[in-house]
Amino acid sequence: MLDLPAYLRRVGYQGAVEPTRRALNALHLAHATHIPFENLDILLGREIALDLSSIQAKLVGQHRGGYCFEHNLLFAAVLREFGFEPTLLAARVRHRTTAILPRTHMLLLVEAEGSRWLADVGFGGEGLLLPVPFGSGGEVKHYAWTYRVIEEAGSSTWVLQSRRNDAWLDLYAFSLEPQHAVDYEIANHYMSTHPNSRFVQTLTVQLPGPEKRVILRNRELIEDRGEAVAERTLTDDEELLQILQQTFGLCFPPGTRFRYRSAT
């Protein structure tokens, strides 16, 4: 069972619990900016469990983060408590790749006040701060970042895009076939255990915000403010633990080491 008051405290949401567009926007922003996207349990050899009790214990009780399945399954449960009826969907990630990937990303379609919205609190640093209108192809600006959802010509595929340097970049592509929680189990197992998975190879911690998006990829720390991007390399594992705590609110015992092997 979802502990809604504990979740709302975790994300700092103080608005009304009702199925309105205003509540959807505020709740989405609160979640996206308070709970980091991270794969640290994978690099510690721990199982990623997708039942609501385990997700809630980790992301809410332990003040940890997670990746898309954990974030969006929790968010879907919260939306239901608000009175929404989210549709669970699956997507192929296109960000930072030209390869055709399996459907290993989870997102939500939510109706609010007669309109449909793409909601996704689990895509990390490049992801949405607020829901994006679905079906119109209209552009929306989330502070320094701009998004749209378009339908690819001659297909039943929809694509979430972000605008960078006057060009539209694909983040992921999806269909409208509803998924069930069990449908994510195989993708979760692959992403958290297969040696070719980017989440097995690379340490990833990301947290978007209205003013900047902070991304940690192995020891590379990136601060993205839209027009300006700053990068630096952390000196050692101890500084990495300090950054995890000070920047992302993720606390680990001294001496903790994460097993990653890719420099990409």
C-alpha atoms as a PDB file:
ATOM      1  CA  MET A   1       0.000   0.000   0.000  1.00  0.00           C
ATOM      2  CA  LEU A   2       1.250   3.458  -0.864  1.00  0.00           C
ATOM      3  CA  ASP A   3       2.113   5.781   2.013  1.00  0.00           C
ATOM      4  CA  LEU A   4       0.969   8.954   0.271  1.00  0.00           C
ATOM      5  CA  PRO A   5       1.779  11.395   3.121  1.00  0.00           C
ATOM      6  CA  ALA A   6       5.358  10.073   3.299  1.00  0.00           C
ATOM      7  CA  TYR A   7       5.747  10.423  -0.474  1.00  0.00           C
ATOM      8  CA  LEU A   8       4.398  13.970  -0.474  1.00  0.00           C
ATOM      9  CA  ARG A   9       6.860  14.932   2.264  1.00  0.00           C
ATOM     10  CA  ARG A  10       9.689  13.329   0.274  1.00  0.00           C
ATOM     11  CA  VAL A  11       8.995  15.478  -2.793  1.00  0.00           C
ATOM     12  CA  GLY A  12       7.880  18.603  -0.933  1.00  0.00           C
ATOM     13  CA  TYR A  13       4.396  18.705  -2.478  1.00  0.00           C
ATOM     14  CA  GLN A  14       1.873  20.766  -0.495  1.00  0.00           C
ATOM     15  CA  GLY A  15      -0.962  21.228  -2.989  1.00  0.00           C
ATOM     16  CA  ALA A  16      -4.387  19.672  -3.217  1.00  0.00           C
ATOM     17  CA  VAL A  17      -4.808  15.935  -3.752  1.00  0.00           C
ATOM     18  CA  GLU A  18      -7.112  16.080  -6.773  1.00  0.00           C
ATOM     19  CA  PRO A  19      -7.007  15.054 -10.473  1.00  0.00           C
ATOM     20  CA  THR A  20      -6.465  18.517 -11.976  1.00  0.00           C
ATOM     21  CA  ARG A  21      -3.937  19.772 -14.489  1.00  0.00           C
ATOM     22  CA  ARG A  22      -2.512  22.120 -11.870  1.00  0.00           C
ATOM     23  CA  ALA A  23      -1.949  19.250  -9.439  1.00  0.00           C
ATOM     24  CA  LEU A  24      -0.424  17.069 -12.177  1.00  0.00           C
ATOM     25  CA  ASN A  25       2.076  19.789 -13.124  1.00  0.00           C
ATOM     26  CA  ALA A  26       3.043  20.569  -9.534  1.00  0.00           C
ATOM     27  CA  LEU A  27       3.387  16.931  -8.550  1.00  0.00           C
ATOM     28  CA  HIS A  28       5.461  16.105 -11.650  1.00  0.00           C
ATOM     29  CA  LEU A  29       7.836  19.014 -10.984  1.00  0.00           C
ATOM     30  CA  ALA A  30       8.149  18.096  -7.314  1.00  0.00           C
ATOM     31  CA  HIS A  31       9.031  14.475  -8.042  1.00  0.00           C
ATOM     32  CA  ALA A  32      11.441  15.234 -10.891  1.00  0.00           C
ATOM     33  CA  THR A  33      13.425  17.753  -8.858  1.00  0.00           C
ATOM     34  CA  HIS A  34      13.578  15.856  -5.552  1.00  0.00           C
ATOM     35  CA  ILE A  35      14.228  12.181  -6.372  1.00  0.00           C
ATOM     36  CA  PRO A  36      17.425  11.544  -8.368  1.00  0.00           C
ATOM     37  CA  PHE A  37      17.735   9.240 -11.334  1.00  0.00           C
ATOM     38  CA  GLU A  38      20.460   6.736 -10.404  1.00  0.00           C
ATOM     39  CA  ASN A  39      21.687   3.172 -10.921  1.00  0.00           C
ATOM     40  CA  LEU A  40      23.918   2.796  -7.861  1.00  0.00           C
ATOM     41  CA  ASP A  41      22.286  -0.366  -6.502  1.00  0.00           C
ATOM     42  CA  ILE A  42      23.072  -2.112  -9.794  1.00  0.00           C
ATOM     43  CA  LEU A  43      26.745  -1.228  -9.368  1.00  0.00           C
ATOM     44  CA  LEU A  44      26.643  -2.551  -5.815  1.00  0.00           C
ATOM     45  CA  GLY A  45      25.310  -5.903  -7.024  1.00  0.00           C
ATOM     46  CA  ARG A  46      21.838  -5.419  -5.559  1.00  0.00           C
ATOM     47  CA  GLU A  47      18.578  -6.562  -7.114  1.00  0.00           C
ATOM     48  CA  ILE A  48      16.211  -3.942  -8.533  1.00  0.00           C
ATOM     49  CA  ALA A  49      12.763  -4.916  -7.264  1.00  0.00           C
ATOM     50  CA  LEU A  50       9.696  -3.441  -8.969  1.00  0.00           C
ATOM     51  CA  ASP A  51       6.970  -4.153  -6.417  1.00  0.00           C
ATOM     52  CA  LEU A  52       5.515  -0.982  -4.927  1.00  0.00           C
ATOM     53  CA  SER A  53       6.581  -1.825  -1.386  1.00  0.00           C
ATOM     54  CA  SER A  54      10.245  -2.171  -2.375  1.00  0.00           C
ATOM     55  CA  ILE A  55      10.218   0.927  -4.552  1.00  0.00           C
ATOM     56  CA  GLN A  56       8.593   3.001  -1.844  1.00  0.00           C
ATOM     57  CA  ALA A  57      11.025   1.749   0.813  1.00  0.00           C
ATOM     58  CA  LYS A  58      13.979   2.732  -1.376  1.00  0.00           C
ATOM     59  CA  LEU A  59      12.931   6.027  -2.994  1.00  0.00           C
ATOM     60  CA  VAL A  60      10.848   7.366  -0.105  1.00  0.00           C
ATOM     61  CA  GLY A  61      11.987   5.645   3.067  1.00  0.00           C
ATOM     62  CA  GLN A  62      15.715   5.499   2.304  1.00  0.00           C
ATOM     63  CA  HIS A  63      15.812   8.818   0.390  1.00  0.00           C
ATOM     64  CA  ARG A  64      17.411   7.098  -2.583  1.00  0.00           C
ATOM     65  CA  GLY A  65      16.772   7.442  -6.303  1.00  0.00           C
ATOM     66  CA  GLY A  66      16.221   4.890  -9.031  1.00  0.00           C
ATOM     67  CA  TYR A  67      15.774   4.475 -12.753  1.00  0.00           C
ATOM     68  CA  CYS A  68      12.741   4.702 -15.003  1.00  0.00           C
ATOM     69  CA  PHE A  69      10.765   1.679 -13.808  1.00  0.00           C
ATOM     70  CA  GLU A  70      11.145   2.608 -10.152  1.00  0.00           C
ATOM     71  CA  HIS A  71      10.339   6.285 -10.692  1.00  0.00           C
ATOM     72  CA  ASN A  72       7.354   5.884 -12.963  1.00  0.00           C
ATOM     73  CA  LEU A  73       5.773   2.899 -11.200  1.00  0.00           C
ATOM     74  CA  LEU A  74       5.871   4.922  -7.983  1.00  0.00           C
ATOM     75  CA  PHE A  75       4.563   8.024  -9.753  1.00  0.00           C
ATOM     76  CA  ALA A  76       1.736   6.036 -11.363  1.00  0.00           C
ATOM     77  CA  ALA A  77       0.681   4.763  -7.924  1.00  0.00           C
ATOM     78  CA  VAL A  78       0.668   8.334  -6.614  1.00  0.00           C
ATOM     79  CA  LEU A  79      -1.360   9.555  -9.581  1.00  0.00           C
ATOM     80  CA  ARG A  80      -3.992   6.918  -8.892  1.00  0.00           C
ATOM     81  CA  GLU A  81      -4.269   8.184  -5.321  1.00  0.00           C
ATOM     82  CA  PHE A  82      -4.910  11.659  -6.776  1.00  0.00           C
ATOM     83  CA  GLY A  83      -7.736  10.253  -8.903  1.00  0.00           C
ATOM     84  CA  PHE A  84      -5.918  10.003 -12.242  1.00  0.00           C
ATOM     85  CA  GLU A  85      -5.910   6.852 -14.373  1.00  0.00           C
ATOM     86  CA  PRO A  86      -2.433   6.734 -15.937  1.00  0.00           C
ATOM     87  CA  THR A  87      -1.727   4.452 -18.889  1.00  0.00           C
ATOM     88  CA  LEU A  88       1.606   2.641 -18.639  1.00  0.00           C
ATOM     89  CA  LEU A  89       3.661   2.715 -21.866  1.00  0.00           C
ATOM     90  CA  ALA A  90       7.057   1.485 -23.112  1.00  0.00           C
ATOM     91  CA  ALA A  91       9.612   3.270 -25.300  1.00  0.00           C
ATOM     92  CA  ARG A  92      12.805   2.717 -27.286  1.00  0.00           C
ATOM     93  CA  VAL A  93      15.485   5.162 -26.156  1.00  0.00           C
ATOM     94  CA  ARG A  94      17.092   7.153 -28.986  1.00  0.00           C
ATOM     95  CA  HIS A  95      19.059   9.645 -26.903  1.00  0.00           C
ATOM     96  CA  ARG A  96      22.838   9.419 -27.488  1.00  0.00           C
ATOM     97  CA  THR A  97      22.487   6.484 -29.904  1.00  0.00           C
ATOM     98  CA  THR A  98      21.612   5.689 -33.518  1.00  0.00           C
ATOM     99  CA  ALA A  99      21.052   1.985 -32.796  1.00  0.00           C
ATOM    100  CA  ILE A 100      17.571   0.491 -32.613  1.00  0.00           C
ATOM    101  CA  LEU A 101      17.185  -0.452 -28.955  1.00  0.00           C
ATOM    102  CA  PRO A 102      14.552  -2.646 -27.265  1.00  0.00           C
ATOM    103  CA  ARG A 103      11.660  -1.075 -25.397  1.00  0.00           C
ATOM    104  CA  THR A 104      13.416  -0.592 -22.073  1.00  0.00           C
ATOM    105  CA  HIS A 105      12.031   2.768 -20.984  1.00  0.00           C
ATOM    106  CA  MET A 106       8.787   3.345 -19.093  1.00  0.00           C
ATOM    107  CA  LEU A 107       6.560   6.420 -19.420  1.00  0.00           C
ATOM    108  CA  LEU A 108       2.976   7.410 -18.635  1.00  0.00           C
ATOM    109  CA  LEU A 109       0.035   8.878 -20.510  1.00  0.00           C
ATOM    110  CA  VAL A 110      -2.299  10.840 -18.250  1.00  0.00           C
ATOM    111  CA  GLU A 111      -5.606  12.588 -18.901  1.00  0.00           C
ATOM    112  CA  ALA A 112      -6.311  15.797 -17.019  1.00  0.00           C
ATOM    113  CA  GLU A 113      -9.248  18.116 -17.606  1.00  0.00           C
ATOM    114  CA  GLY A 114     -10.033  16.672 -21.025  1.00  0.00           C
ATOM    115  CA  SER A 115      -6.491  16.696 -22.427  1.00  0.00           C
ATOM    116  CA  ARG A 116      -3.838  13.993 -22.593  1.00  0.00           C
ATOM    117  CA  TRP A 117      -0.325  14.515 -21.281  1.00  0.00           C
ATOM    118  CA  LEU A 118       2.914  12.599 -21.505  1.00  0.00           C
ATOM    119  CA  ALA A 119       4.267  12.310 -17.963  1.00  0.00           C
ATOM    120  CA  ASP A 120       7.724  10.912 -17.262  1.00  0.00           C
ATOM    121  CA  VAL A 121       9.700  11.493 -14.054  1.00  0.00           C
ATOM    122  CA  GLY A 122      12.220   8.750 -14.864  1.00  0.00           C
ATOM    123  CA  PHE A 123      14.393   9.897 -17.770  1.00  0.00           C
ATOM    124  CA  GLY A 124      17.034  11.701 -15.740  1.00  0.00           C
ATOM    125  CA  GLY A 125      18.971  14.815 -16.718  1.00  0.00           C
ATOM    126  CA  GLU A 126      17.474  15.209 -20.198  1.00  0.00           C
ATOM    127  CA  GLY A 127      13.994  14.387 -18.997  1.00  0.00           C
ATOM    128  CA  LEU A 128      10.849  16.364 -18.385  1.00  0.00           C
ATOM    129  CA  LEU A 129      10.260  18.719 -15.495  1.00  0.00           C
ATOM    130  CA  LEU A 130       6.569  19.013 -16.378  1.00  0.00           C
ATOM    131  CA  PRO A 131       4.151  16.938 -18.456  1.00  0.00           C
ATOM    132  CA  VAL A 132       4.091  17.546 -22.224  1.00  0.00           C
ATOM    133  CA  PRO A 133       0.805  17.849 -24.176  1.00  0.00           C
ATOM    134  CA  PHE A 134       0.110  14.754 -26.244  1.00  0.00           C
ATOM    135  CA  GLY A 135      -1.402  14.780 -29.731  1.00  0.00           C
ATOM    136  CA  SER A 136      -0.967  18.414 -30.780  1.00  0.00           C
ATOM    137  CA  GLY A 137       2.745  18.440 -31.602  1.00  0.00           C
ATOM    138  CA  GLY A 138       2.976  21.766 -29.810  1.00  0.00           C
ATOM    139  CA  GLU A 139       6.198  22.998 -28.265  1.00  0.00           C
ATOM    140  CA  VAL A 140       6.413  23.546 -24.514  1.00  0.00           C
ATOM    141  CA  LYS A 141       9.166  25.328 -22.646  1.00  0.00           C
ATOM    142  CA  HIS A 142      10.306  23.945 -19.300  1.00  0.00           C
ATOM    143  CA  TYR A 143      12.464  26.822 -18.082  1.00  0.00           C
ATOM    144  CA  ALA A 144      15.604  26.677 -20.299  1.00  0.00           C
ATOM    145  CA  TRP A 145      14.517  23.503 -22.138  1.00  0.00           C
ATOM    146  CA  THR A 146      11.947  22.961 -24.888  1.00  0.00           C
ATOM    147  CA  TYR A 147      10.083  19.745 -25.736  1.00  0.00           C
ATOM    148  CA  ARG A 148       7.425  18.367 -28.042  1.00  0.00           C
ATOM    149  CA  VAL A 149       5.761  15.023 -28.836  1.00  0.00           C
ATOM    150  CA  ILE A 150       5.277  14.286 -32.554  1.00  0.00           C
ATOM    151  CA  GLU A 151       3.908  11.375 -34.534  1.00  0.00           C
ATOM    152  CA  GLU A 152       6.310   9.889 -37.057  1.00  0.00           C
ATOM    153  CA  ALA A 153       4.920   9.985 -40.576  1.00  0.00           C
ATOM    154  CA  GLY A 154       3.469   6.731 -41.830  1.00  0.00           C
ATOM    155  CA  SER A 155       3.659   4.928 -38.509  1.00  0.00           C
ATOM    156  CA  SER A 156       1.945   4.532 -35.177  1.00  0.00           C
ATOM    157  CA  THR A 157       5.098   5.698 -33.403  1.00  0.00           C
ATOM    158  CA  TRP A 158       5.301   8.809 -31.276  1.00  0.00           C
ATOM    159  CA  VAL A 159       8.551  10.560 -30.397  1.00  0.00           C
ATOM    160  CA  LEU A 160       9.506  12.793 -27.491  1.00  0.00           C
ATOM    161  CA  GLN A 161      11.988  15.409 -28.693  1.00  0.00           C
ATOM    162  CA  SER A 162      14.022  18.135 -27.042  1.00  0.00           C
ATOM    163  CA  ARG A 163      15.342  21.236 -28.760  1.00  0.00           C
ATOM    164  CA  ARG A 164      19.089  21.914 -28.659  1.00  0.00           C
ATOM    165  CA  ASN A 165      20.915  24.584 -30.675  1.00  0.00           C
ATOM    166  CA  ASP A 166      17.882  25.088 -32.940  1.00  0.00           C
ATOM    167  CA  ALA A 167      17.685  21.371 -33.749  1.00  0.00           C
ATOM    168  CA  TRP A 168      15.173  18.787 -32.549  1.00  0.00           C
ATOM    169  CA  LEU A 169      16.736  15.705 -30.962  1.00  0.00           C
ATOM    170  CA  ASP A 170      14.881  12.453 -30.364  1.00  0.00           C
ATOM    171  CA  LEU A 171      14.841  11.281 -26.761  1.00  0.00           C
ATOM    172  CA  TYR A 172      12.709   8.173 -27.212  1.00  0.00           C
ATOM    173  CA  ALA A 173      10.007   6.610 -29.410  1.00  0.00           C
ATOM    174  CA  PHE A 174       6.889   4.828 -28.177  1.00  0.00           C
ATOM    175  CA  SER A 175       3.535   3.388 -29.173  1.00  0.00           C
ATOM    176  CA  LEU A 176       0.225   3.646 -27.359  1.00  0.00           C
ATOM    177  CA  GLU A 177      -0.048  -0.051 -26.521  1.00  0.00           C
ATOM    178  CA  PRO A 178      -0.821  -0.195 -22.794  1.00  0.00           C
ATOM    179  CA  GLN A 179       1.631  -2.088 -20.608  1.00  0.00           C
ATOM    180  CA  HIS A 180       1.193  -3.839 -17.290  1.00  0.00           C
ATOM    181  CA  ALA A 181       3.636  -3.747 -14.401  1.00  0.00           C
ATOM    182  CA  VAL A 182       4.668  -7.331 -15.196  1.00  0.00           C
ATOM    183  CA  ASP A 183       5.667  -6.259 -18.727  1.00  0.00           C
ATOM    184  CA  TYR A 184       8.592  -4.310 -17.288  1.00  0.00           C
ATOM    185  CA  GLU A 185      10.096  -7.274 -15.425  1.00  0.00           C
ATOM    186  CA  ILE A 186      12.083  -8.656 -18.374  1.00  0.00           C
ATOM    187  CA  ALA A 187      13.357  -5.213 -19.395  1.00  0.00           C
ATOM    188  CA  ASN A 188      14.291  -4.493 -15.794  1.00  0.00           C
ATOM    189  CA  HIS A 189      16.210  -7.769 -15.530  1.00  0.00           C
ATOM    190  CA  TYR A 190      18.122  -7.048 -18.738  1.00  0.00           C
ATOM    191  CA  MET A 191      18.918  -3.437 -17.853  1.00  0.00           C
ATOM    192  CA  SER A 192      20.077  -4.274 -14.328  1.00  0.00           C
ATOM    193  CA  THR A 193      22.085  -7.459 -15.012  1.00  0.00           C
ATOM    194  CA  HIS A 194      23.195  -7.853 -18.643  1.00  0.00           C
ATOM    195  CA  PRO A 195      26.881  -6.993 -19.189  1.00  0.00           C
ATOM    196  CA  ASN A 196      25.993  -4.914 -22.262  1.00  0.00           C
ATOM    197  CA  SER A 197      23.509  -2.747 -20.391  1.00  0.00           C
ATOM    198  CA  ARG A 198      24.582   0.863 -20.008  1.00  0.00           C
ATOM    199  CA  PHE A 199      23.399   0.720 -16.402  1.00  0.00           C
ATOM    200  CA  VAL A 200      25.757  -2.169 -15.654  1.00  0.00           C
ATOM    201  CA  GLN A 201      28.674  -0.469 -17.390  1.00  0.00           C
ATOM    202  CA  THR A 202      28.358   3.165 -16.341  1.00  0.00           C
ATOM    203  CA  LEU A 203      27.686   4.964 -13.073  1.00  0.00           C
ATOM    204  CA  THR A 204      24.825   7.380 -13.673  1.00  0.00           C
ATOM    205  CA  VAL A 205      23.284   9.892 -11.269  1.00  0.00           C
ATOM    206  CA  GLN A 206      21.158  12.738 -12.603  1.00  0.00           C
ATOM    207  CA  LEU A 207      18.890  15.403 -11.170  1.00  0.00           C
ATOM    208  CA  PRO A 208      17.088  18.015 -13.280  1.00  0.00           C
ATOM    209  CA  GLY A 209      16.078  21.391 -11.891  1.00  0.00           C
ATOM    210  CA  PRO A 210      14.592  24.666 -13.111  1.00  0.00           C
ATOM    211  CA  GLU A 211      17.964  26.436 -13.179  1.00  0.00           C
ATOM    212  CA  LYS A 212      20.347  23.593 -13.982  1.00  0.00           C
ATOM    213  CA  ARG A 213      20.538  19.878 -14.571  1.00  0.00           C
ATOM    214  CA  VAL A 214      23.322  18.008 -12.814  1.00  0.00           C
ATOM    215  CA  ILE A 215      24.650  14.765 -14.301  1.00  0.00           C
ATOM    216  CA  LEU A 216      27.319  12.474 -12.872  1.00  0.00           C
ATOM    217  CA  ARG A 217      28.611   9.879 -15.338  1.00  0.00           C
ATOM    218  CA  ASN A 218      31.342   7.782 -13.746  1.00  0.00           C
ATOM    219  CA  ARG A 219      33.634  10.560 -12.485  1.00  0.00           C
ATOM    220  CA  GLU A 220      32.505  13.221 -14.964  1.00  0.00           C
ATOM    221  CA  LEU A 221      30.322  15.881 -13.320  1.00  0.00           C
ATOM    222  CA  ILE A 222      28.225  17.952 -15.738  1.00  0.00           C
ATOM    223  CA  GLU A 223      26.157  21.049 -14.976  1.00  0.00           C
ATOM    224  CA  ASP A 224      23.786  21.914 -17.808  1.00  0.00           C
ATOM    225  CA  ARG A 225      22.067  25.305 -17.751  1.00  0.00           C
ATOM    226  CA  GLY A 226      20.630  25.072 -21.250  1.00  0.00           C
ATOM    227  CA  GLU A 227      22.844  27.560 -23.050  1.00  0.00           C
ATOM    228  CA  ALA A 228      25.969  26.780 -21.004  1.00  0.00           C
ATOM    229  CA  VAL A 229      27.360  23.386 -20.032  1.00  0.00           C
ATOM    230  CA  ALA A 230      30.249  22.984 -17.559  1.00  0.00           C
ATOM    231  CA  GLU A 231      32.150  19.740 -16.966  1.00  0.00           C
ATOM    232  CA  ARG A 232      34.864  18.581 -14.606  1.00  0.00           C
ATOM    233  CA  THR A 233      36.414  15.271 -13.564  1.00  0.00           C
ATOM    234  CA  LEU A 234      36.234  14.185  -9.931  1.00  0.00           C
ATOM    235  CA  THR A 235      39.607  13.376  -8.413  1.00  0.00           C
ATOM    236  CA  ASP A 236      38.872  10.093  -6.629  1.00  0.00           C
ATOM    237  CA  ASP A 237      36.247   7.828  -5.089  1.00  0.00           C
ATOM    238  CA  GLU A 238      36.077   9.852  -1.899  1.00  0.00           C
ATOM    239  CA  GLU A 239      35.156  13.014  -3.803  1.00  0.00           C
ATOM    240  CA  LEU A 240      32.557  10.964  -5.668  1.00  0.00           C
ATOM    241  CA  LEU A 241      30.934  10.009  -2.346  1.00  0.00           C
ATOM    242  CA  GLN A 242      31.000  13.661  -1.278  1.00  0.00           C
ATOM    243  CA  ILE A 243      29.293  14.771  -4.496  1.00  0.00           C
ATOM    244  CA  LEU A 244      26.665  12.049  -4.129  1.00  0.00           C
ATOM    245  CA  GLN A 245      25.779  13.389  -0.695  1.00  0.00           C
ATOM    246  CA  GLN A 246      26.171  17.136  -1.197  1.00  0.00           C
ATOM    247  CA  THR A 247      24.703  17.435  -4.706  1.00  0.00           C
ATOM    248  CA  PHE A 248      22.227  14.557  -4.920  1.00  0.00           C
ATOM    249  CA  GLY A 249      21.389  13.840  -1.274  1.00  0.00           C
ATOM    250  CA  LEU A 250      22.569  10.219  -1.582  1.00  0.00           C
ATOM    251  CA  CYS A 251      24.482   8.977   1.457  1.00  0.00           C
ATOM    252  CA  PHE A 252      26.757   5.940   1.432  1.00  0.00           C
ATOM    253  CA  PRO A 253      29.237   4.709   4.069  1.00  0.00           C
ATOM    254  CA  PRO A 254      32.881   5.788   3.717  1.00  0.00           C
ATOM    255  CA  GLY A 255      34.813   3.358   1.554  1.00  0.00           C
ATOM    256  CA  THR A 256      31.833   2.419  -0.626  1.00  0.00           C
ATOM    257  CA  ARG A 257      32.977   1.509  -4.137  1.00  0.00           C
ATOM    258  CA  PHE A 258      30.769   1.158  -7.205  1.00  0.00           C
ATOM    259  CA  ARG A 259      31.625  -1.404  -9.888  1.00  0.00           C
ATOM    260  CA  TYR A 260      31.499   0.318 -13.247  1.00  0.00           C
ATOM    261  CA  ARG A 261      33.772  -0.231 -16.201  1.00  0.00           C
ATOM    262  CA  SER A 262      32.863   2.085 -19.045  1.00  0.00           C
ATOM    263  CA  ALA A 263      34.305   5.556 -19.620  1.00  0.00           C
ATOM    264  CA  THR A 264      31.429   6.552 -21.901  1.00  0.00           C
END
